[in-house]
Amino acid sequence: MPVRRAVFYCPDNKQGDYHVNYKTKHCRFRLGLIPLLGLFLAGCANIRDGQPHATALSPAAYGLDNSAATPAPAQGAWWKALQQPALDRLVEQALQNHPSLTLAQARIRQAGASMALTDASDGPQLDLQGAHQRLRNSEYGLLPPPLAGNWFSLNQLSLNLGWRLDFWGKTRALLAAANSRQNAARLEAEDSRNWLASAVTAQYLDYMAARHSLQLLQRDQALLASELKQARGLVASGIASPDASDSVLREQQQLATRMAATQTRMARARHALAALTTLPDAQLASLPLQALPQWQLDTRTLSTRVLAQRPDILAQQARVKAAASGVKAAKAEFYPDVTLGAMAGLQAQNLSDLFSAGALASAITPGITLPLFHSGALNAALDAQSANYDAAVAGYNQTLLGAIQEAADGVSQTLGSQQAHAASRAALDTQQRIASRSSSRLASGLIAPSQNIHAQRSALAAALENNEAHVRQLQAQTALLRALAGHLATESK
């Protein structure tokens, strides 16, 4: 080992400041040995089996085309096919102001900032440092007299350079993980927009259907009032028993219950729209009543092959990539950490000497750090990242299977609701013809008024059923487009 000798001397001043001059004999720093030593020790690092165990499902195995280009949505917004200007405004309002999208944008910015921070950690760091020290050494410390028990001053002004060299790809892996997380955040924001548009559409349709149902129930209430009046007249004249009027009264009470439930349904749909669009409830209550749109999806023109391009599935894929990069970064922790530092500046005990030529000081400080024993912390971190990868793969698989089921259910429900609506429409047409003939016979005096009321009420009941079948079809089609992320394909299933 080289011998280091310290020589102390006292200047001719009255401040009691002492200069220190260190002289080293036979000191030689061999930089070439450091990388070789690091490589040798890195080979001895004990890395347990931290490989992930989960396997991602292949979309192709379920008939999905993961490489197909995603078709553009119809006119960029599928809900415009309903031709409801009020709905278009509500969706636009929701897409501009809903907190979930604000949160999604914040997550995108947060992920971008994290990526920039990770990227910056791998670059050179340059700092300007200025310091003044005034200290007194203990009389009983390590330093001998005349330094012991006296005061010192040390002034310093320097530029400090630090650079961490990413030989093992740790920073590159962390940067890839941050980039994947930012992509996932963007895709999740797109998925939030799709969900928001479908939710607003579904609640708008339910709100309009409930208002139409309430109008039909009010017409039925008027017919029941007329029937009750006739029944009470017959009871008063002794032609009918009191059971006749009580039977109509019971129907009125049942109708009142249905009307109350319909009003509650209207309120709930309106409140949901208020929460989705951030509009006041009073403004939504003033929306004009619109007829339910005649919107018919041809399921033969829809393709589930593009299901693999759903934003939520792509977001989960990005999460899997981020987790895989996290495993790589955790493995890189087992290898040497190489740093390069340098300093150039001025040092002097007296402030007046700080800018003199003799105050120049400089240093180059390469360094290497190899983790030899961390009580299992590195392996635990690798196990955690491996488990995180398995969880990400499981989340992707669950999302993929859920999307496949959602799309399959959407197709089945759309076909079933279309058939049910067609049947209810046919039943309504039949009942309306019966009601029309009943009115003609009443005008000719061929039937009693009560018989005509029954025919008219049957027509109203058919109209109510058709209204509900219509909105169920529209909502099933909305759910199907939500399952397909709003994408309309031109090829058959």
Protein backbone atom coordinates (compact mmCIF):
# COMPACT_ATOMS: atom_id res chain seq x y z
CA MET A 1 0.00 0.00 0.00
CA PRO A 2 1.25 3.52 -0.72
CA VAL A 3 2.10 5.62 2.30
CA ARG A 4 0.18 8.87 2.72
CA ARG A 5 1.95 11.62 4.63
CA ALA A 6 0.28 14.84 5.87
CA VAL A 7 2.27 18.03 6.39
CA PHE A 8 0.70 20.94 8.31
CA TYR A 9 1.85 24.51 8.43
CA CYS A 10 0.54 27.75 9.89
CA PRO A 11 0.47 30.98 7.91
CA ASP A 12 1.55 34.32 9.31
CA ASN A 13 -1.87 35.73 10.06
CA LYS A 14 -3.85 36.49 13.12
CA GLN A 15 -7.01 34.57 12.22
CA GLY A 16 -5.73 31.21 13.37
CA ASP A 17 -6.48 29.57 9.99
CA TYR A 18 -4.38 26.57 9.09
CA HIS A 19 -3.63 25.25 5.62
CA VAL A 20 -3.47 21.55 4.93
CA ASN A 21 -1.20 20.08 2.27
CA TYR A 22 -1.55 16.36 1.50
CA LYS A 23 1.28 14.65 -0.35
CA THR A 24 0.91 11.07 -1.49
CA LYS A 25 3.83 8.81 -2.27
CA HIS A 26 3.61 6.12 -4.93
CA CYS A 27 -0.20 6.52 -5.43
CA ARG A 28 -1.36 5.15 -8.78
CA PHE A 29 -5.02 4.64 -9.77
CA ARG A 30 -5.40 1.92 -12.39
CA LEU A 31 -8.63 2.60 -14.25
CA GLY A 32 -8.24 -0.34 -16.55
CA LEU A 33 -8.74 -2.86 -13.74
CA ILE A 34 -12.16 -1.56 -12.70
CA PRO A 35 -14.29 -2.88 -15.62
CA LEU A 36 -12.50 -6.23 -15.48
CA LEU A 37 -13.11 -6.49 -11.75
CA GLY A 38 -16.77 -5.55 -12.22
CA LEU A 39 -17.30 -8.19 -14.89
CA PHE A 40 -15.65 -10.82 -12.74
CA LEU A 41 -17.77 -10.05 -9.70
CA ALA A 42 -20.97 -9.74 -11.76
CA GLY A 43 -20.53 -13.33 -12.83
CA CYS A 44 -20.82 -14.33 -9.20
CA ALA A 45 -24.18 -12.60 -8.64
CA ASN A 46 -26.77 -15.00 -7.27
CA ILE A 47 -29.99 -14.55 -9.26
CA ARG A 48 -32.79 -16.89 -8.29
CA ASP A 49 -35.35 -18.13 -10.79
CA GLY A 50 -37.59 -15.10 -11.10
CA GLN A 51 -39.06 -15.94 -14.47
CA PRO A 52 -42.77 -15.15 -14.97
CA HIS A 53 -45.10 -18.13 -15.32
CA ALA A 54 -48.22 -16.68 -16.99
CA THR A 55 -48.79 -16.96 -20.75
CA ALA A 56 -50.86 -14.48 -22.73
CA LEU A 57 -53.72 -15.86 -24.80
CA SER A 58 -53.46 -15.55 -28.57
CA PRO A 59 -56.28 -13.50 -30.16
CA ALA A 60 -55.90 -15.57 -33.33
CA ALA A 61 -57.00 -18.66 -31.41
CA TYR A 62 -60.41 -17.00 -30.97
CA GLY A 63 -60.78 -15.89 -34.57
CA LEU A 64 -59.52 -12.36 -33.97
CA ASP A 65 -57.14 -10.59 -36.30
CA ASN A 66 -54.55 -8.86 -34.15
CA SER A 67 -52.68 -7.50 -37.17
CA ALA A 68 -55.68 -6.14 -39.06
CA ALA A 69 -55.95 -2.42 -39.45
CA THR A 70 -58.61 -0.96 -37.24
CA PRO A 71 -61.54 0.29 -39.37
CA ALA A 72 -62.58 3.85 -38.86
CA PRO A 73 -65.78 4.51 -36.92
CA ALA A 74 -68.84 5.52 -38.91
CA GLN A 75 -68.37 9.22 -39.62
CA GLY A 76 -66.03 9.28 -36.62
CA ALA A 77 -68.98 8.96 -34.20
CA TRP A 78 -71.36 6.01 -34.44
CA TRP A 79 -74.08 7.67 -32.32
CA LYS A 80 -74.69 10.21 -35.08
CA ALA A 81 -76.34 7.41 -37.05
CA LEU A 82 -79.31 7.81 -34.67
CA GLN A 83 -79.92 11.30 -36.16
CA GLN A 84 -80.71 12.87 -32.80
CA PRO A 85 -79.18 16.38 -32.61
CA ALA A 86 -79.93 16.58 -28.89
CA LEU A 87 -78.02 13.35 -28.32
CA ASP A 88 -75.08 14.63 -30.37
CA ARG A 89 -74.87 17.72 -28.17
CA LEU A 90 -75.04 15.67 -24.98
CA VAL A 91 -72.27 13.32 -26.10
CA GLU A 92 -70.10 16.26 -27.13
CA GLN A 93 -70.71 17.90 -23.76
CA ALA A 94 -69.74 14.70 -21.93
CA LEU A 95 -66.58 14.19 -23.99
CA GLN A 96 -65.47 17.72 -23.18
CA ASN A 97 -66.21 17.97 -19.48
CA HIS A 98 -66.55 14.57 -17.81
CA PRO A 99 -64.07 14.13 -14.93
CA SER A 100 -63.07 10.64 -16.08
CA LEU A 101 -61.53 12.08 -19.24
CA THR A 102 -59.81 14.83 -17.27
CA LEU A 103 -58.39 12.11 -15.04
CA ALA A 104 -57.33 10.09 -18.07
CA GLN A 105 -55.51 13.08 -19.56
CA ALA A 106 -53.79 13.70 -16.23
CA ARG A 107 -52.61 10.09 -16.21
CA ILE A 108 -51.21 10.52 -19.72
CA ARG A 109 -49.26 13.60 -18.63
CA GLN A 110 -48.11 11.82 -15.50
CA ALA A 111 -46.86 8.86 -17.52
CA GLY A 112 -45.09 11.22 -19.93
CA ALA A 113 -43.39 13.02 -17.06
CA SER A 114 -42.30 9.69 -15.59
CA MET A 115 -40.81 8.70 -18.94
CA ALA A 116 -38.94 12.01 -19.22
CA LEU A 117 -37.66 11.63 -15.66
CA THR A 118 -36.40 8.11 -16.38
CA ASP A 119 -34.73 9.27 -19.58
CA ALA A 120 -33.03 12.15 -17.76
CA SER A 121 -31.57 9.82 -15.13
CA ASP A 122 -29.34 8.22 -17.79
CA GLY A 123 -27.84 11.49 -18.99
CA PRO A 124 -25.03 13.64 -17.62
CA GLN A 125 -25.86 15.87 -14.66
CA LEU A 126 -24.02 19.18 -14.27
CA ASP A 127 -24.34 21.29 -11.12
CA LEU A 128 -22.78 24.53 -9.96
CA GLN A 129 -21.88 24.38 -6.28
CA GLY A 130 -20.76 27.11 -3.95
CA ALA A 131 -19.99 26.51 -0.28
CA HIS A 132 -18.40 28.18 2.74
CA GLN A 133 -17.37 26.16 5.76
CA ARG A 134 -16.32 27.49 9.15
CA LEU A 135 -15.54 24.75 11.64
CA ARG A 136 -13.60 24.05 14.83
CA ASN A 137 -11.77 20.80 15.38
CA SER A 138 -12.00 19.08 18.74
CA GLU A 139 -8.93 19.22 20.95
CA TYR A 140 -9.41 15.52 21.63
CA GLY A 141 -10.21 14.34 18.10
CA LEU A 142 -8.13 12.61 15.44
CA LEU A 143 -6.27 15.70 14.26
CA PRO A 144 -3.10 16.60 16.14
CA PRO A 145 -2.02 20.10 17.18
CA PRO A 146 -1.88 22.74 15.86
CA LEU A 147 -5.13 21.82 14.04
CA ALA A 148 -6.79 20.48 17.17
CA GLY A 149 -8.80 23.07 19.03
CA ASN A 150 -8.58 25.70 16.27
CA TRP A 151 -10.95 27.16 13.69
CA PHE A 152 -10.76 26.67 9.91
CA SER A 153 -12.36 28.27 6.89
CA LEU A 154 -12.85 26.63 3.50
CA ASN A 155 -14.46 28.31 0.51
CA GLN A 156 -15.37 26.40 -2.63
CA LEU A 157 -16.89 27.20 -6.02
CA SER A 158 -17.06 24.32 -8.49
CA LEU A 159 -18.80 22.64 -11.40
CA ASN A 160 -19.71 19.03 -10.63
CA LEU A 161 -20.39 16.48 -13.36
CA GLY A 162 -22.11 13.15 -12.71
CA TRP A 163 -22.93 10.47 -15.24
CA ARG A 164 -24.36 7.02 -14.69
CA LEU A 165 -23.40 4.63 -17.49
CA ASP A 166 -26.17 2.21 -18.46
CA PHE A 167 -24.03 -0.77 -19.43
CA TRP A 168 -26.62 -3.39 -18.49
CA GLY A 169 -29.75 -1.78 -19.93
CA LYS A 170 -31.49 -0.96 -16.64
CA THR A 171 -32.39 2.58 -17.66
CA ARG A 172 -33.38 1.46 -21.14
CA ALA A 173 -35.72 -1.11 -19.61
CA LEU A 174 -37.21 1.45 -17.24
CA LEU A 175 -37.67 3.85 -20.15
CA ALA A 176 -39.42 1.15 -22.20
CA ALA A 177 -41.70 0.42 -19.24
CA ALA A 178 -42.55 4.10 -18.84
CA ASN A 179 -43.25 4.40 -22.57
CA SER A 180 -45.57 1.37 -22.44
CA ARG A 181 -47.41 2.83 -19.46
CA GLN A 182 -47.93 6.09 -21.34
CA ASN A 183 -49.33 4.16 -24.32
CA ALA A 184 -51.61 2.28 -21.95
CA ALA A 185 -52.83 5.57 -20.47
CA ARG A 186 -53.64 6.90 -23.96
CA LEU A 187 -55.55 3.75 -24.85
CA GLU A 188 -57.44 3.81 -21.56
CA ALA A 189 -58.44 7.40 -22.31
CA GLU A 190 -59.80 6.25 -25.69
CA ASP A 191 -61.68 3.44 -23.98
CA SER A 192 -63.14 5.96 -21.52
CA ARG A 193 -64.40 8.04 -24.44
CA ASN A 194 -66.06 4.99 -26.00
CA TRP A 195 -67.66 4.04 -22.71
CA LEU A 196 -68.84 7.60 -22.09
CA ALA A 197 -70.46 7.92 -25.53
CA SER A 198 -72.29 4.61 -25.15
CA ALA A 199 -73.40 5.43 -21.60
CA VAL A 200 -74.82 8.81 -22.65
CA THR A 201 -76.58 7.19 -25.62
CA ALA A 202 -78.10 4.43 -23.50
CA GLN A 203 -79.37 6.84 -20.83
CA TYR A 204 -80.73 9.26 -23.44
CA LEU A 205 -82.67 6.45 -25.13
CA ASP A 206 -84.01 5.24 -21.78
CA TYR A 207 -85.05 8.78 -20.85
CA MET A 208 -86.96 9.29 -24.10
CA ALA A 209 -88.56 5.83 -23.91
CA ALA A 210 -89.71 6.47 -20.33
CA ARG A 211 -91.30 9.76 -21.38
CA HIS A 212 -93.14 8.04 -24.22
CA SER A 213 -94.29 5.32 -21.82
CA LEU A 214 -95.58 7.95 -19.41
CA GLN A 215 -97.61 9.58 -22.19
CA LEU A 216 -99.16 6.23 -23.12
CA LEU A 217 -99.95 5.51 -19.46
CA GLN A 218 -101.60 8.92 -19.13
CA ARG A 219 -103.82 8.11 -22.12
CA ASP A 220 -104.66 4.78 -20.51
CA GLN A 221 -105.49 6.65 -17.30
CA ALA A 222 -107.96 8.83 -19.19
CA LEU A 223 -109.64 5.75 -20.70
CA LEU A 224 -109.87 4.13 -17.26
CA ALA A 225 -111.44 7.28 -15.84
CA SER A 226 -114.09 7.14 -18.58
CA GLU A 227 -114.64 3.43 -17.96
CA LEU A 228 -114.97 4.00 -14.20
CA LYS A 229 -117.54 6.71 -14.79
CA GLN A 230 -119.58 4.36 -16.98
CA ALA A 231 -119.26 1.50 -14.48
CA ARG A 232 -120.44 3.67 -11.61
CA GLY A 233 -123.41 4.78 -13.72
CA LEU A 234 -124.36 1.17 -14.37
CA VAL A 235 -124.00 0.36 -10.66
CA ALA A 236 -126.13 3.35 -9.70
CA SER A 237 -128.85 2.26 -12.14
CA GLY A 238 -128.77 -1.29 -10.80
CA ILE A 239 -127.65 -2.78 -14.09
CA ALA A 240 -124.24 -3.89 -12.75
CA SER A 241 -122.97 -4.94 -9.36
CA PRO A 242 -120.47 -2.85 -7.35
CA ASP A 243 -117.80 -5.34 -8.42
CA ALA A 244 -117.79 -3.74 -11.86
CA SER A 245 -116.74 -0.32 -10.57
CA ASP A 246 -114.35 -1.80 -7.99
CA SER A 247 -112.64 -3.83 -10.71
CA VAL A 248 -112.00 -0.67 -12.73
CA LEU A 249 -110.87 1.14 -9.57
CA ARG A 250 -108.33 -1.62 -8.88
CA GLU A 251 -106.95 -1.21 -12.40
CA GLN A 252 -106.63 2.51 -11.79
CA GLN A 253 -104.61 1.86 -8.65
CA GLN A 254 -102.34 -0.57 -10.50
CA LEU A 255 -101.91 1.99 -13.25
CA ALA A 256 -100.94 4.63 -10.69
CA THR A 257 -98.20 2.31 -9.45
CA ARG A 258 -96.89 1.84 -12.99
CA MET A 259 -96.93 5.59 -13.60
CA ALA A 260 -94.97 6.22 -10.39
CA ALA A 261 -92.39 3.62 -11.43
CA THR A 262 -92.12 5.21 -14.88
CA GLN A 263 -91.61 8.66 -13.37
CA THR A 264 -88.88 7.24 -11.16
CA ARG A 265 -87.28 5.68 -14.23
CA MET A 266 -87.37 9.06 -15.98
CA ALA A 267 -85.75 10.75 -12.99
CA ARG A 268 -83.00 8.15 -12.73
CA ALA A 269 -82.18 8.40 -16.44
CA ARG A 270 -82.14 12.19 -16.20
CA HIS A 271 -79.88 12.09 -13.13
CA ALA A 272 -77.52 9.71 -14.91
CA LEU A 273 -77.37 12.06 -17.89
CA ALA A 274 -76.64 14.96 -15.56
CA ALA A 275 -73.73 13.05 -14.02
CA LEU A 276 -72.38 12.00 -17.42
CA THR A 277 -72.70 15.37 -19.15
CA THR A 278 -72.09 17.61 -16.08
CA LEU A 279 -75.24 19.54 -17.05
CA PRO A 280 -77.80 20.68 -14.45
CA ASP A 281 -80.84 18.48 -14.00
CA ALA A 282 -83.21 21.34 -14.83
CA GLN A 283 -81.60 21.79 -18.25
CA LEU A 284 -82.05 18.11 -19.05
CA ALA A 285 -85.67 18.19 -17.89
CA SER A 286 -86.35 20.78 -20.59
CA LEU A 287 -85.12 18.55 -23.42
CA PRO A 288 -87.81 18.27 -26.10
CA LEU A 289 -89.44 14.88 -26.45
CA GLN A 290 -88.16 13.08 -29.53
CA ALA A 291 -89.46 9.95 -31.22
CA LEU A 292 -87.21 6.96 -30.77
CA PRO A 293 -84.91 6.68 -33.79
CA GLN A 294 -85.50 4.08 -36.48
CA TRP A 295 -81.96 2.75 -36.22
CA GLN A 296 -81.41 -0.77 -37.48
CA LEU A 297 -77.97 -2.39 -37.40
CA ASP A 298 -77.28 -5.11 -39.93
CA THR A 299 -75.19 -7.56 -37.92
CA ARG A 300 -73.99 -9.16 -41.15
CA THR A 301 -71.90 -6.05 -41.82
CA LEU A 302 -70.26 -6.18 -38.38
CA SER A 303 -67.01 -8.05 -37.83
CA THR A 304 -65.64 -9.29 -34.55
CA ARG A 305 -62.22 -9.83 -36.14
CA VAL A 306 -61.25 -6.29 -35.15
CA LEU A 307 -62.06 -7.03 -31.52
CA ALA A 308 -58.34 -7.38 -30.77
CA GLN A 309 -58.02 -3.67 -31.61
CA ARG A 310 -60.29 -2.59 -28.76
CA PRO A 311 -58.56 0.14 -26.74
CA ASP A 312 -58.94 -1.72 -23.45
CA ILE A 313 -57.32 -4.86 -24.90
CA LEU A 314 -54.48 -2.85 -26.44
CA ALA A 315 -54.05 -1.03 -23.12
CA GLN A 316 -53.67 -4.36 -21.33
CA GLN A 317 -51.11 -5.43 -23.94
CA ALA A 318 -49.16 -2.26 -23.19
CA ARG A 319 -49.36 -3.07 -19.46
CA VAL A 320 -47.88 -6.51 -20.20
CA LYS A 321 -45.01 -4.90 -22.13
CA ALA A 322 -44.38 -2.50 -19.27
CA ALA A 323 -44.28 -5.38 -16.80
CA ALA A 324 -41.85 -7.31 -19.01
CA SER A 325 -39.56 -4.29 -19.09
CA GLY A 326 -39.84 -4.09 -15.31
CA VAL A 327 -38.52 -7.67 -15.07
CA LYS A 328 -35.55 -6.71 -17.26
CA ALA A 329 -34.80 -3.69 -15.08
CA ALA A 330 -34.97 -5.83 -11.93
CA LYS A 331 -32.46 -8.29 -13.42
CA ALA A 332 -30.11 -5.43 -14.31
CA GLU A 333 -29.95 -4.52 -10.61
CA PHE A 334 -27.73 -7.59 -10.07
CA TYR A 335 -24.95 -6.16 -12.24
CA PRO A 336 -22.39 -3.45 -11.44
CA ASP A 337 -23.49 0.16 -11.38
CA VAL A 338 -20.82 2.25 -13.14
CA THR A 339 -20.64 6.00 -12.60
CA LEU A 340 -18.34 8.73 -13.80
CA GLY A 341 -17.86 11.95 -11.88
CA ALA A 342 -15.73 15.01 -12.38
CA MET A 343 -15.19 18.28 -10.56
CA ALA A 344 -13.48 21.49 -11.60
CA GLY A 345 -13.48 24.62 -9.50
CA LEU A 346 -11.82 26.81 -6.94
CA GLN A 347 -10.96 26.11 -3.30
CA ALA A 348 -9.33 28.38 -0.76
CA GLN A 349 -9.29 28.90 2.96
CA ASN A 350 -9.32 32.65 2.58
CA LEU A 351 -12.04 34.17 0.47
CA SER A 352 -9.53 36.64 -0.99
CA ASP A 353 -7.53 33.74 -2.45
CA LEU A 354 -10.54 32.01 -4.03
CA PHE A 355 -10.06 33.47 -7.52
CA SER A 356 -6.29 33.17 -7.64
CA ALA A 357 -4.58 30.72 -9.99
CA GLY A 358 -3.40 28.54 -7.15
CA ALA A 359 -6.97 27.92 -5.96
CA LEU A 360 -7.75 25.77 -8.98
CA ALA A 361 -8.94 22.27 -8.00
CA SER A 362 -10.14 19.36 -10.11
CA ALA A 363 -10.96 15.70 -9.75
CA ILE A 364 -12.12 12.74 -11.81
CA THR A 365 -14.00 10.11 -9.83
CA PRO A 366 -15.01 6.99 -11.73
CA GLY A 367 -16.87 4.50 -9.58
CA ILE A 368 -18.31 1.03 -9.65
CA THR A 369 -20.80 -0.52 -7.24
CA LEU A 370 -21.57 -4.22 -7.24
CA PRO A 371 -24.33 -5.63 -5.04
CA LEU A 372 -22.78 -8.57 -3.22
CA PHE A 373 -25.16 -9.13 -0.32
CA HIS A 374 -28.45 -7.28 0.21
CA SER A 375 -30.22 -9.81 2.43
CA GLY A 376 -32.29 -11.06 -0.51
CA ALA A 377 -33.65 -7.62 -1.42
CA LEU A 378 -32.70 -7.86 -5.10
CA ASN A 379 -34.25 -11.30 -5.53
CA ALA A 380 -37.36 -10.09 -3.71
CA ALA A 381 -37.59 -7.13 -6.10
CA LEU A 382 -37.20 -9.50 -9.06
CA ASP A 383 -39.91 -11.77 -7.66
CA ALA A 384 -42.19 -8.76 -7.25
CA GLN A 385 -41.66 -7.69 -10.86
CA SER A 386 -42.21 -11.27 -12.04
CA ALA A 387 -45.48 -11.42 -10.10
CA ASN A 388 -46.43 -8.05 -11.57
CA TYR A 389 -45.88 -9.49 -15.05
CA ASP A 390 -48.05 -12.51 -14.26
CA ALA A 391 -50.77 -10.19 -12.96
CA ALA A 392 -50.56 -8.06 -16.12
CA VAL A 393 -50.87 -11.16 -18.32
CA ALA A 394 -53.83 -12.38 -16.28
CA GLY A 395 -55.45 -8.95 -16.63
CA TYR A 396 -54.91 -9.07 -20.39
CA ASN A 397 -56.36 -12.57 -20.66
CA GLN A 398 -59.36 -11.60 -18.56
CA THR A 399 -59.97 -8.48 -20.64
CA LEU A 400 -59.67 -10.44 -23.90
CA LEU A 401 -62.08 -13.16 -22.78
CA GLY A 402 -64.49 -10.58 -21.40
CA ALA A 403 -64.42 -8.65 -24.67
CA ILE A 404 -65.11 -11.82 -26.67
CA GLN A 405 -68.05 -12.68 -24.43
CA GLU A 406 -69.32 -9.10 -24.53
CA ALA A 407 -69.23 -9.03 -28.32
CA ALA A 408 -70.88 -12.46 -28.63
CA ASP A 409 -73.60 -11.47 -26.16
CA GLY A 410 -74.03 -8.18 -28.01
CA VAL A 411 -74.63 -9.93 -31.32
CA SER A 412 -77.11 -12.37 -29.73
CA GLN A 413 -78.96 -9.65 -27.85
CA THR A 414 -79.10 -7.45 -30.93
CA LEU A 415 -80.56 -10.22 -33.07
CA GLY A 416 -83.03 -11.21 -30.36
CA SER A 417 -84.13 -7.65 -29.67
CA GLN A 418 -84.57 -6.96 -33.38
CA GLN A 419 -86.80 -10.01 -33.73
CA ALA A 420 -88.76 -9.08 -30.59
CA HIS A 421 -89.27 -5.53 -31.83
CA ALA A 422 -90.47 -6.77 -35.21
CA ALA A 423 -92.98 -9.07 -33.47
CA SER A 424 -94.21 -6.31 -31.15
CA ARG A 425 -94.54 -3.96 -34.10
CA ALA A 426 -96.69 -6.52 -35.91
CA ALA A 427 -98.80 -7.05 -32.79
CA LEU A 428 -99.27 -3.29 -32.44
CA ASP A 429 -100.40 -2.98 -36.06
CA THR A 430 -102.92 -5.77 -35.52
CA GLN A 431 -104.26 -4.26 -32.31
CA GLN A 432 -104.53 -0.81 -33.88
CA ARG A 433 -106.63 -2.25 -36.70
CA ILE A 434 -108.89 -3.89 -34.11
CA ALA A 435 -109.20 -0.59 -32.23
CA SER A 436 -110.01 1.27 -35.45
CA ARG A 437 -112.78 -1.18 -36.32
CA SER A 438 -114.09 -0.96 -32.76
CA SER A 439 -114.37 2.83 -33.04
CA SER A 440 -116.28 2.43 -36.30
CA ARG A 441 -118.71 -0.05 -34.72
CA LEU A 442 -119.18 2.27 -31.74
CA ALA A 443 -120.03 5.13 -34.07
CA SER A 444 -122.59 2.85 -35.76
CA GLY A 445 -124.07 1.87 -32.41
CA LEU A 446 -123.12 -1.77 -32.82
CA ILE A 447 -121.15 -2.09 -29.57
CA ALA A 448 -121.24 -0.60 -26.10
CA PRO A 449 -118.79 2.17 -25.10
CA SER A 450 -117.11 -0.16 -22.58
CA GLN A 451 -116.24 -2.59 -25.36
CA ASN A 452 -114.60 0.16 -27.36
CA ILE A 453 -112.66 1.29 -24.28
CA HIS A 454 -111.32 -2.23 -23.87
CA ALA A 455 -110.20 -2.28 -27.50
CA GLN A 456 -108.50 1.13 -27.18
CA ARG A 457 -106.75 0.07 -23.97
CA SER A 458 -105.51 -3.09 -25.63
CA ALA A 459 -104.03 -0.95 -28.39
CA LEU A 460 -102.31 1.24 -25.78
CA ALA A 461 -100.92 -1.86 -24.06
CA ALA A 462 -99.51 -3.03 -27.40
CA ALA A 463 -98.01 0.43 -27.95
CA LEU A 464 -96.37 0.28 -24.52
CA GLU A 465 -94.89 -3.13 -25.27
CA ASN A 466 -93.67 -1.94 -28.66
CA ASN A 467 -92.08 1.14 -27.08
CA GLU A 468 -90.16 -1.04 -24.62
CA ALA A 469 -89.16 -3.52 -27.34
CA HIS A 470 -87.94 -0.62 -29.48
CA VAL A 471 -85.73 0.86 -26.76
CA ARG A 472 -84.37 -2.59 -25.88
CA GLN A 473 -83.31 -3.02 -29.50
CA LEU A 474 -81.65 0.40 -29.57
CA GLN A 475 -79.81 -0.24 -26.32
CA ALA A 476 -78.70 -3.70 -27.47
CA GLN A 477 -77.25 -2.15 -30.62
CA THR A 478 -75.56 0.51 -28.51
CA ALA A 479 -74.03 -2.19 -26.30
CA LEU A 480 -72.85 -4.10 -29.37
CA LEU A 481 -71.07 -1.07 -30.80
CA ARG A 482 -69.58 -0.46 -27.37
CA ALA A 483 -68.26 -4.04 -27.43
CA LEU A 484 -66.74 -3.40 -30.87
CA ALA A 485 -65.32 -0.07 -29.66
CA GLY A 486 -67.63 1.76 -32.06
CA HIS A 487 -65.97 0.29 -35.16
CA LEU A 488 -68.12 -0.69 -38.12
CA ALA A 489 -66.53 -3.18 -40.50
CA THR A 490 -67.48 -3.80 -44.10
CA GLU A 491 -66.81 -7.55 -44.08
CA SER A 492 -69.17 -10.22 -42.83
CA LYS A 493 -68.60 -12.04 -39.57
